[in-house]
Amino acid sequence: SLRSGKVYQGYVKSVGDAFLHLEKIAGKDFYDA
């Protein structure tokens, strides 16, 4: 859940110092965030 209220569902691919890479975003075929 983000501060904006947007919610993403996906699989944690990697976590960096400033970013989270979510893959296989639910509801969006072939998308990552």
PDB file of all heavy atoms in Angstrom:
ATOM      1  N   SER A   1       0.848  -1.190   0.000  1.00  0.00           N
ATOM      2  CA  SER A   1       0.000   0.000   0.000  1.00  0.00           C
ATOM      3  C   SER A   1       0.878   1.232   0.000  1.00  0.00           C
ATOM      4  O   SER A   1       1.807   1.341   0.816  1.00  0.00           O
ATOM      5  CB  SER A   1      -0.896   0.024   1.236  1.00  0.00           C
ATOM      6  OG  SER A   1      -1.714  -1.115   1.275  1.00  0.00           O
ATOM      7  N   LEU A   2       0.569   2.167  -0.886  1.00  0.00           N
ATOM      8  CA  LEU A   2       1.337   3.402  -0.978  1.00  0.00           C
ATOM      9  C   LEU A   2       0.624   4.528  -0.238  1.00  0.00           C
ATOM     10  O   LEU A   2      -0.568   4.436   0.055  1.00  0.00           O
ATOM     11  CB  LEU A   2       1.536   3.789  -2.447  1.00  0.00           C
ATOM     12  CG  LEU A   2       2.166   2.724  -3.339  1.00  0.00           C
ATOM     13  CD1 LEU A   2       2.340   3.260  -4.753  1.00  0.00           C
ATOM     14  CD2 LEU A   2       3.508   2.275  -2.779  1.00  0.00           C
ATOM     15  N   ARG A   3       1.349   5.598   0.043  1.00  0.00           N
ATOM     16  CA  ARG A   3       0.750   6.754   0.713  1.00  0.00           C
ATOM     17  C   ARG A   3      -0.411   7.329  -0.085  1.00  0.00           C
ATOM     18  O   ARG A   3      -1.345   7.877   0.485  1.00  0.00           O
ATOM     19  CB  ARG A   3       1.802   7.846   0.915  1.00  0.00           C
ATOM     20  CG  ARG A   3       2.711   7.577   2.078  1.00  0.00           C
ATOM     21  CD  ARG A   3       3.510   8.804   2.367  1.00  0.00           C
ATOM     22  NE  ARG A   3       4.904   8.503   2.069  1.00  0.00           N
ATOM     23  CZ  ARG A   3       5.860   9.388   2.052  1.00  0.00           C
ATOM     24  NH1 ARG A   3       5.612  10.652   2.264  1.00  0.00           N
ATOM     25  NH2 ARG A   3       7.095   9.020   1.799  1.00  0.00           N
ATOM     26  N   SER A   4      -0.349   7.213  -1.396  1.00  0.00           N
ATOM     27  CA  SER A   4      -1.402   7.744  -2.269  1.00  0.00           C
ATOM     28  C   SER A   4      -2.703   6.946  -2.171  1.00  0.00           C
ATOM     29  O   SER A   4      -3.732   7.378  -2.660  1.00  0.00           O
ATOM     30  CB  SER A   4      -0.922   7.736  -3.716  1.00  0.00           C
ATOM     31  OG  SER A   4      -0.740   6.399  -4.168  1.00  0.00           O
ATOM     32  N   GLY A   5      -2.649   5.760  -1.552  1.00  0.00           N
ATOM     33  CA  GLY A   5      -3.813   4.895  -1.444  1.00  0.00           C
ATOM     34  C   GLY A   5      -3.810   3.762  -2.460  1.00  0.00           C
ATOM     35  O   GLY A   5      -4.602   2.831  -2.365  1.00  0.00           O
ATOM     36  N   LYS A   6      -2.940   3.837  -3.442  1.00  0.00           N
ATOM     37  CA  LYS A   6      -2.818   2.795  -4.462  1.00  0.00           C
ATOM     38  C   LYS A   6      -2.245   1.530  -3.816  1.00  0.00           C
ATOM     39  O   LYS A   6      -1.352   1.598  -2.978  1.00  0.00           O
ATOM     40  CB  LYS A   6      -1.905   3.282  -5.584  1.00  0.00           C
ATOM     41  CG  LYS A   6      -1.636   2.297  -6.669  1.00  0.00           C
ATOM     42  CD  LYS A   6      -2.739   2.251  -7.673  1.00  0.00           C
ATOM     43  CE  LYS A   6      -2.299   1.350  -8.824  1.00  0.00           C
ATOM     44  NZ  LYS A   6      -3.401   0.905  -9.608  1.00  0.00           N
ATOM     45  N   VAL A   7      -2.772   0.366  -4.211  1.00  0.00           N
ATOM     46  CA  VAL A   7      -2.293  -0.917  -3.685  1.00  0.00           C
ATOM     47  C   VAL A   7      -1.813  -1.769  -4.854  1.00  0.00           C
ATOM     48  O   VAL A   7      -2.508  -1.906  -5.858  1.00  0.00           O
ATOM     49  CB  VAL A   7      -3.396  -1.664  -2.913  1.00  0.00           C
ATOM     50  CG1 VAL A   7      -2.896  -3.019  -2.435  1.00  0.00           C
ATOM     51  CG2 VAL A   7      -3.882  -0.832  -1.744  1.00  0.00           C
ATOM     52  N   TYR A   8      -0.626  -2.328  -4.714  1.00  0.00           N
ATOM     53  CA  TYR A   8      -0.070  -3.231  -5.712  1.00  0.00           C
ATOM     54  C   TYR A   8       0.071  -4.616  -5.107  1.00  0.00           C
ATOM     55  O   TYR A   8       0.488  -4.759  -3.954  1.00  0.00           O
ATOM     56  CB  TYR A   8       1.324  -2.765  -6.163  1.00  0.00           C
ATOM     57  CG  TYR A   8       1.318  -1.547  -7.038  1.00  0.00           C
ATOM     58  CD1 TYR A   8       1.547  -0.296  -6.494  1.00  0.00           C
ATOM     59  CD2 TYR A   8       1.108  -1.645  -8.405  1.00  0.00           C
ATOM     60  CE1 TYR A   8       1.550   0.834  -7.282  1.00  0.00           C
ATOM     61  CE2 TYR A   8       1.110  -0.529  -9.205  1.00  0.00           C
ATOM     62  CZ  TYR A   8       1.336   0.704  -8.641  1.00  0.00           C
ATOM     63  OH  TYR A   8       1.336   1.823  -9.440  1.00  0.00           O
ATOM     64  N   GLN A   9      -0.256  -5.631  -5.898  1.00  0.00           N
ATOM     65  CA  GLN A   9      -0.015  -7.014  -5.497  1.00  0.00           C
ATOM     66  C   GLN A   9       0.943  -7.614  -6.516  1.00  0.00           C
ATOM     67  O   GLN A   9       0.743  -7.512  -7.723  1.00  0.00           O
ATOM     68  CB  GLN A   9      -1.291  -7.833  -5.488  1.00  0.00           C
ATOM     69  CG  GLN A   9      -1.033  -9.297  -5.133  1.00  0.00           C
ATOM     70  CD  GLN A   9      -2.259 -10.178  -5.325  1.00  0.00           C
ATOM     71  OE1 GLN A   9      -3.300  -9.730  -5.789  1.00  0.00           O
ATOM     72  NE2 GLN A   9      -2.120 -11.432  -4.969  1.00  0.00           N
ATOM     73  N   GLY A  10       2.015  -8.230  -6.002  1.00  0.00           N
ATOM     74  CA  GLY A  10       2.972  -8.865  -6.888  1.00  0.00           C
ATOM     75  C   GLY A  10       4.009  -9.631  -6.094  1.00  0.00           C
ATOM     76  O   GLY A  10       3.935  -9.730  -4.867  1.00  0.00           O
ATOM     77  N   TYR A  11       4.988 -10.153  -6.806  1.00  0.00           N
ATOM     78  CA  TYR A  11       6.046 -10.941  -6.188  1.00  0.00           C
ATOM     79  C   TYR A  11       7.302 -10.088  -6.035  1.00  0.00           C
ATOM     80  O   TYR A  11       7.691  -9.383  -6.970  1.00  0.00           O
ATOM     81  CB  TYR A  11       6.360 -12.164  -7.053  1.00  0.00           C
ATOM     82  CG  TYR A  11       5.229 -13.158  -7.073  1.00  0.00           C
ATOM     83  CD1 TYR A  11       4.163 -13.017  -7.956  1.00  0.00           C
ATOM     84  CD2 TYR A  11       5.208 -14.226  -6.189  1.00  0.00           C
ATOM     85  CE1 TYR A  11       3.116 -13.915  -7.968  1.00  0.00           C
ATOM     86  CE2 TYR A  11       4.169 -15.129  -6.190  1.00  0.00           C
ATOM     87  CZ  TYR A  11       3.122 -14.968  -7.078  1.00  0.00           C
ATOM     88  OH  TYR A  11       2.085 -15.861  -7.071  1.00  0.00           O
ATOM     89  N   VAL A  12       7.920 -10.151  -4.874  1.00  0.00           N
ATOM     90  CA  VAL A  12       9.133  -9.374  -4.625  1.00  0.00           C
ATOM     91  C   VAL A  12      10.270  -9.976  -5.441  1.00  0.00           C
ATOM     92  O   VAL A  12      10.665 -11.120  -5.226  1.00  0.00           O
ATOM     93  CB  VAL A  12       9.501  -9.374  -3.125  1.00  0.00           C
ATOM     94  CG1 VAL A  12      10.811  -8.651  -2.895  1.00  0.00           C
ATOM     95  CG2 VAL A  12       8.384  -8.769  -2.304  1.00  0.00           C
ATOM     96  N   LYS A  13      10.763  -9.198  -6.381  1.00  0.00           N
ATOM     97  CA  LYS A  13      11.893  -9.649  -7.185  1.00  0.00           C
ATOM     98  C   LYS A  13      13.195  -9.233  -6.528  1.00  0.00           C
ATOM     99  O   LYS A  13      14.100 -10.038  -6.369  1.00  0.00           O
ATOM    100  CB  LYS A  13      11.805  -9.110  -8.598  1.00  0.00           C
ATOM    101  CG  LYS A  13      12.959  -9.570  -9.454  1.00  0.00           C
ATOM    102  CD  LYS A  13      12.641  -9.581 -10.896  1.00  0.00           C
ATOM    103  CE  LYS A  13      13.799 -10.218 -11.642  1.00  0.00           C
ATOM    104  NZ  LYS A  13      13.486 -10.428 -13.018  1.00  0.00           N
ATOM    105  N   SER A  14      13.287  -7.949  -6.141  1.00  0.00           N
ATOM    106  CA  SER A  14      14.493  -7.474  -5.460  1.00  0.00           C
ATOM    107  C   SER A  14      14.182  -6.200  -4.699  1.00  0.00           C
ATOM    108  O   SER A  14      13.204  -5.510  -4.968  1.00  0.00           O
ATOM    109  CB  SER A  14      15.625  -7.239  -6.464  1.00  0.00           C
ATOM    110  OG  SER A  14      15.264  -6.242  -7.386  1.00  0.00           O
ATOM    111  N   VAL A  15      15.049  -5.914  -3.735  1.00  0.00           N
ATOM    112  CA  VAL A  15      14.916  -4.711  -2.920  1.00  0.00           C
ATOM    113  C   VAL A  15      16.269  -4.012  -2.908  1.00  0.00           C
ATOM    114  O   VAL A  15      17.285  -4.613  -2.567  1.00  0.00           O
ATOM    115  CB  VAL A  15      14.492  -5.056  -1.472  1.00  0.00           C
ATOM    116  CG1 VAL A  15      14.307  -3.792  -0.653  1.00  0.00           C
ATOM    117  CG2 VAL A  15      13.230  -5.894  -1.465  1.00  0.00           C
ATOM    118  N   GLY A  16      16.255  -2.733  -3.286  1.00  0.00           N
ATOM    119  CA  GLY A  16      17.482  -1.944  -3.284  1.00  0.00           C
ATOM    120  C   GLY A  16      17.464  -0.942  -2.146  1.00  0.00           C
ATOM    121  O   GLY A  16      16.624  -1.007  -1.250  1.00  0.00           O
ATOM    122  N   ASP A  17      18.387  -0.005  -2.179  1.00  0.00           N
ATOM    123  CA  ASP A  17      18.456   1.010  -1.130  1.00  0.00           C
ATOM    124  C   ASP A  17      17.252   1.951  -1.160  1.00  0.00           C
ATOM    125  O   ASP A  17      16.823   2.438  -0.117  1.00  0.00           O
ATOM    126  CB  ASP A  17      19.744   1.827  -1.261  1.00  0.00           C
ATOM    127  CG  ASP A  17      20.973   0.998  -0.921  1.00  0.00           C
ATOM    128  OD1 ASP A  17      20.839   0.058  -0.109  1.00  0.00           O
ATOM    129  OD2 ASP A  17      22.050   1.289  -1.463  1.00  0.00           O
ATOM    130  N   ALA A  18      16.724   2.220  -2.341  1.00  0.00           N
ATOM    131  CA  ALA A  18      15.625   3.179  -2.457  1.00  0.00           C
ATOM    132  C   ALA A  18      14.377   2.622  -3.129  1.00  0.00           C
ATOM    133  O   ALA A  18      13.321   3.252  -3.067  1.00  0.00           O
ATOM    134  CB  ALA A  18      16.102   4.411  -3.225  1.00  0.00           C
ATOM    135  N   PHE A  19      14.481   1.449  -3.781  1.00  0.00           N
ATOM    136  CA  PHE A  19      13.357   0.940  -4.566  1.00  0.00           C
ATOM    137  C   PHE A  19      13.062  -0.528  -4.295  1.00  0.00           C
ATOM    138  O   PHE A  19      13.942  -1.305  -3.954  1.00  0.00           O
ATOM    139  CB  PHE A  19      13.639   1.102  -6.068  1.00  0.00           C
ATOM    140  CG  PHE A  19      13.707   2.529  -6.526  1.00  0.00           C
ATOM    141  CD1 PHE A  19      14.921   3.151  -6.702  1.00  0.00           C
ATOM    142  CD2 PHE A  19      12.544   3.234  -6.779  1.00  0.00           C
ATOM    143  CE1 PHE A  19      14.993   4.462  -7.123  1.00  0.00           C
ATOM    144  CE2 PHE A  19      12.605   4.549  -7.202  1.00  0.00           C
ATOM    145  CZ  PHE A  19      13.829   5.170  -7.371  1.00  0.00           C
ATOM    146  N   LEU A  20      11.783  -0.870  -4.509  1.00  0.00           N
ATOM    147  CA  LEU A  20      11.303  -2.246  -4.460  1.00  0.00           C
ATOM    148  C   LEU A  20      10.888  -2.625  -5.876  1.00  0.00           C
ATOM    149  O   LEU A  20      10.152  -1.877  -6.533  1.00  0.00           O
ATOM    150  CB  LEU A  20      10.089  -2.351  -3.527  1.00  0.00           C
ATOM    151  CG  LEU A  20       9.218  -3.607  -3.643  1.00  0.00           C
ATOM    152  CD1 LEU A  20       9.997  -4.845  -3.216  1.00  0.00           C
ATOM    153  CD2 LEU A  20       7.956  -3.444  -2.816  1.00  0.00           C
ATOM    154  N   HIS A  21      11.339  -3.771  -6.361  1.00  0.00           N
ATOM    155  CA  HIS A  21      10.933  -4.268  -7.677  1.00  0.00           C
ATOM    156  C   HIS A  21       9.923  -5.381  -7.456  1.00  0.00           C
ATOM    157  O   HIS A  21      10.255  -6.453  -6.966  1.00  0.00           O
ATOM    158  CB  HIS A  21      12.153  -4.792  -8.440  1.00  0.00           C
ATOM    159  CG  HIS A  21      11.821  -5.301  -9.807  1.00  0.00           C
ATOM    160  ND1 HIS A  21      12.764  -5.851 -10.623  1.00  0.00           N
ATOM    161  CD2 HIS A  21      10.667  -5.355 -10.506  1.00  0.00           C
ATOM    162  CE1 HIS A  21      12.202  -6.224 -11.763  1.00  0.00           C
ATOM    163  NE2 HIS A  21      10.933  -5.932 -11.701  1.00  0.00           N
ATOM    164  N   LEU A  22       8.662  -5.092  -7.815  1.00  0.00           N
ATOM    165  CA  LEU A  22       7.597  -6.098  -7.763  1.00  0.00           C
ATOM    166  C   LEU A  22       7.377  -6.620  -9.172  1.00  0.00           C
ATOM    167  O   LEU A  22       7.268  -5.837 -10.117  1.00  0.00           O
ATOM    168  CB  LEU A  22       6.281  -5.482  -7.284  1.00  0.00           C
ATOM    169  CG  LEU A  22       6.010  -5.372  -5.801  1.00  0.00           C
ATOM    170  CD1 LEU A  22       4.594  -4.865  -5.573  1.00  0.00           C
ATOM    171  CD2 LEU A  22       6.215  -6.661  -5.075  1.00  0.00           C
ATOM    172  N   GLU A  23       7.303  -7.933  -9.315  1.00  0.00           N
ATOM    173  CA  GLU A  23       7.049  -8.511 -10.635  1.00  0.00           C
ATOM    174  C   GLU A  23       5.703  -9.210 -10.643  1.00  0.00           C
ATOM    175  O   GLU A  23       5.123  -9.480  -9.599  1.00  0.00           O
ATOM    176  CB  GLU A  23       8.169  -9.471 -11.038  1.00  0.00           C
ATOM    177  CG  GLU A  23       8.301 -10.699 -10.173  1.00  0.00           C
ATOM    178  CD  GLU A  23       9.413 -11.623 -10.632  1.00  0.00           C
ATOM    179  OE1 GLU A  23       9.943 -11.435 -11.729  1.00  0.00           O
ATOM    180  OE2 GLU A  23       9.724 -12.555  -9.884  1.00  0.00           O
ATOM    181  N   LYS A  24       5.203  -9.483 -11.850  1.00  0.00           N
ATOM    182  CA  LYS A  24       3.922 -10.172 -12.050  1.00  0.00           C
ATOM    183  C   LYS A  24       2.795  -9.451 -11.310  1.00  0.00           C
ATOM    184  O   LYS A  24       2.073 -10.039 -10.506  1.00  0.00           O
ATOM    185  CB  LYS A  24       4.014 -11.625 -11.595  1.00  0.00           C
ATOM    186  CG  LYS A  24       5.064 -12.418 -12.323  1.00  0.00           C
ATOM    187  CD  LYS A  24       5.175 -13.816 -11.775  1.00  0.00           C
ATOM    188  CE  LYS A  24       6.338 -14.545 -12.423  1.00  0.00           C
ATOM    189  NZ  LYS A  24       6.608 -15.826 -11.778  1.00  0.00           N
ATOM    190  N   ILE A  25       2.626  -8.177 -11.597  1.00  0.00           N
ATOM    191  CA  ILE A  25       1.603  -7.362 -10.945  1.00  0.00           C
ATOM    192  C   ILE A  25       0.211  -7.930 -11.249  1.00  0.00           C
ATOM    193  O   ILE A  25      -0.117  -8.204 -12.402  1.00  0.00           O
ATOM    194  CB  ILE A  25       1.693  -5.896 -11.430  1.00  0.00           C
ATOM    195  CG1 ILE A  25       3.068  -5.307 -11.092  1.00  0.00           C
ATOM    196  CG2 ILE A  25       0.579  -5.044 -10.835  1.00  0.00           C
ATOM    197  CD1 ILE A  25       3.397  -5.262  -9.629  1.00  0.00           C
ATOM    198  N   ALA A  26      -0.582  -8.106 -10.203  1.00  0.00           N
ATOM    199  CA  ALA A  26      -1.928  -8.666 -10.353  1.00  0.00           C
ATOM    200  C   ALA A  26      -2.799  -7.726 -11.172  1.00  0.00           C
ATOM    201  O   ALA A  26      -2.781  -6.510 -10.982  1.00  0.00           O
ATOM    202  CB  ALA A  26      -2.550  -8.878  -8.984  1.00  0.00           C
ATOM    203  N   GLY A  27      -3.552  -8.295 -12.108  1.00  0.00           N
ATOM    204  CA  GLY A  27      -4.462  -7.525 -12.923  1.00  0.00           C
ATOM    205  C   GLY A  27      -3.830  -6.884 -14.140  1.00  0.00           C
ATOM    206  O   GLY A  27      -4.517  -6.259 -14.937  1.00  0.00           O
ATOM    207  N   LYS A  28      -2.509  -7.007 -14.274  1.00  0.00           N
ATOM    208  CA  LYS A  28      -1.805  -6.428 -15.421  1.00  0.00           C
ATOM    209  C   LYS A  28      -0.834  -7.468 -15.958  1.00  0.00           C
ATOM    210  O   LYS A  28       0.232  -7.678 -15.380  1.00  0.00           O
ATOM    211  CB  LYS A  28      -1.034  -5.174 -15.024  1.00  0.00           C
ATOM    212  CG  LYS A  28      -1.902  -4.033 -14.583  1.00  0.00           C
ATOM    213  CD  LYS A  28      -1.057  -2.814 -14.323  1.00  0.00           C
ATOM    214  CE  LYS A  28      -1.913  -1.618 -14.012  1.00  0.00           C
ATOM    215  NZ  LYS A  28      -1.122  -0.391 -13.934  1.00  0.00           N
ATOM    216  N   ASP A  29      -1.204  -8.106 -17.036  1.00  0.00           N
ATOM    217  CA  ASP A  29      -0.332  -9.121 -17.616  1.00  0.00           C
ATOM    218  C   ASP A  29       0.985  -8.505 -18.071  1.00  0.00           C
ATOM    219  O   ASP A  29       1.006  -7.449 -18.688  1.00  0.00           O
ATOM    220  CB  ASP A  29      -1.010  -9.783 -18.818  1.00  0.00           C
ATOM    221  CG  ASP A  29      -2.196 -10.641 -18.400  1.00  0.00           C
ATOM    222  OD1 ASP A  29      -2.243 -11.036 -17.224  1.00  0.00           O
ATOM    223  OD2 ASP A  29      -3.066 -10.903 -19.242  1.00  0.00           O
ATOM    224  N   PHE A  30       2.054  -9.162 -17.769  1.00  0.00           N
ATOM    225  CA  PHE A  30       3.398  -8.804 -18.229  1.00  0.00           C
ATOM    226  C   PHE A  30       3.912  -7.488 -17.657  1.00  0.00           C
ATOM    227  O   PHE A  30       4.779  -6.859 -18.249  1.00  0.00           O
ATOM    228  CB  PHE A  30       3.468  -8.766 -19.765  1.00  0.00           C
ATOM    229  CG  PHE A  30       2.898  -9.992 -20.403  1.00  0.00           C
ATOM    230  CD1 PHE A  30       1.713  -9.938 -21.111  1.00  0.00           C
ATOM    231  CD2 PHE A  30       3.530 -11.220 -20.271  1.00  0.00           C
ATOM    232  CE1 PHE A  30       1.173 -11.069 -21.691  1.00  0.00           C
ATOM    233  CE2 PHE A  30       3.002 -12.359 -20.842  1.00  0.00           C
ATOM    234  CZ  PHE A  30       1.824 -12.282 -21.556  1.00  0.00           C
ATOM    235  N   TYR A  31       3.393  -7.028 -16.517  1.00  0.00           N
ATOM    236  CA  TYR A  31       3.835  -5.775 -15.927  1.00  0.00           C
ATOM    237  C   TYR A  31       4.612  -6.017 -14.632  1.00  0.00           C
ATOM    238  O   TYR A  31       4.305  -6.916 -13.863  1.00  0.00           O
ATOM    239  CB  TYR A  31       2.648  -4.862 -15.612  1.00  0.00           C
ATOM    240  CG  TYR A  31       2.146  -4.093 -16.808  1.00  0.00           C
ATOM    241  CD1 TYR A  31       1.352  -4.705 -17.763  1.00  0.00           C
ATOM    242  CD2 TYR A  31       2.476  -2.761 -16.972  1.00  0.00           C
ATOM    243  CE1 TYR A  31       0.887  -4.003 -18.859  1.00  0.00           C
ATOM    244  CE2 TYR A  31       2.020  -2.045 -18.068  1.00  0.00           C
ATOM    245  CZ  TYR A  31       1.226  -2.670 -19.006  1.00  0.00           C
ATOM    246  OH  TYR A  31       0.774  -1.968 -20.092  1.00  0.00           O
ATOM    247  N   ASP A  32       5.605  -5.174 -14.405  1.00  0.00           N
ATOM    248  CA  ASP A  32       6.339  -5.094 -13.153  1.00  0.00           C
ATOM    249  C   ASP A  32       6.179  -3.679 -12.622  1.00  0.00           C
ATOM    250  O   ASP A  32       5.749  -2.785 -13.346  1.00  0.00           O
ATOM    251  CB  ASP A  32       7.824  -5.382 -13.358  1.00  0.00           C
ATOM    252  CG  ASP A  32       8.126  -6.848 -13.634  1.00  0.00           C
ATOM    253  OD1 ASP A  32       7.182  -7.613 -13.845  1.00  0.00           O
ATOM    254  OD2 ASP A  32       9.304  -7.213 -13.635  1.00  0.00           O
ATOM    255  N   ALA A  33       6.545  -3.459 -11.359  1.00  0.00           N
ATOM    256  CA  ALA A  33       6.489  -2.123 -10.783  1.00  0.00           C
ATOM    257  C   ALA A  33       7.784  -1.843 -10.032  1.00  0.00           C
ATOM    258  O   ALA A  33       8.333  -2.728  -9.372  1.00  0.00           O
ATOM    259  CB  ALA A  33       5.304  -1.991  -9.836  1.00  0.00           C
TER     260      ALA A  33
END
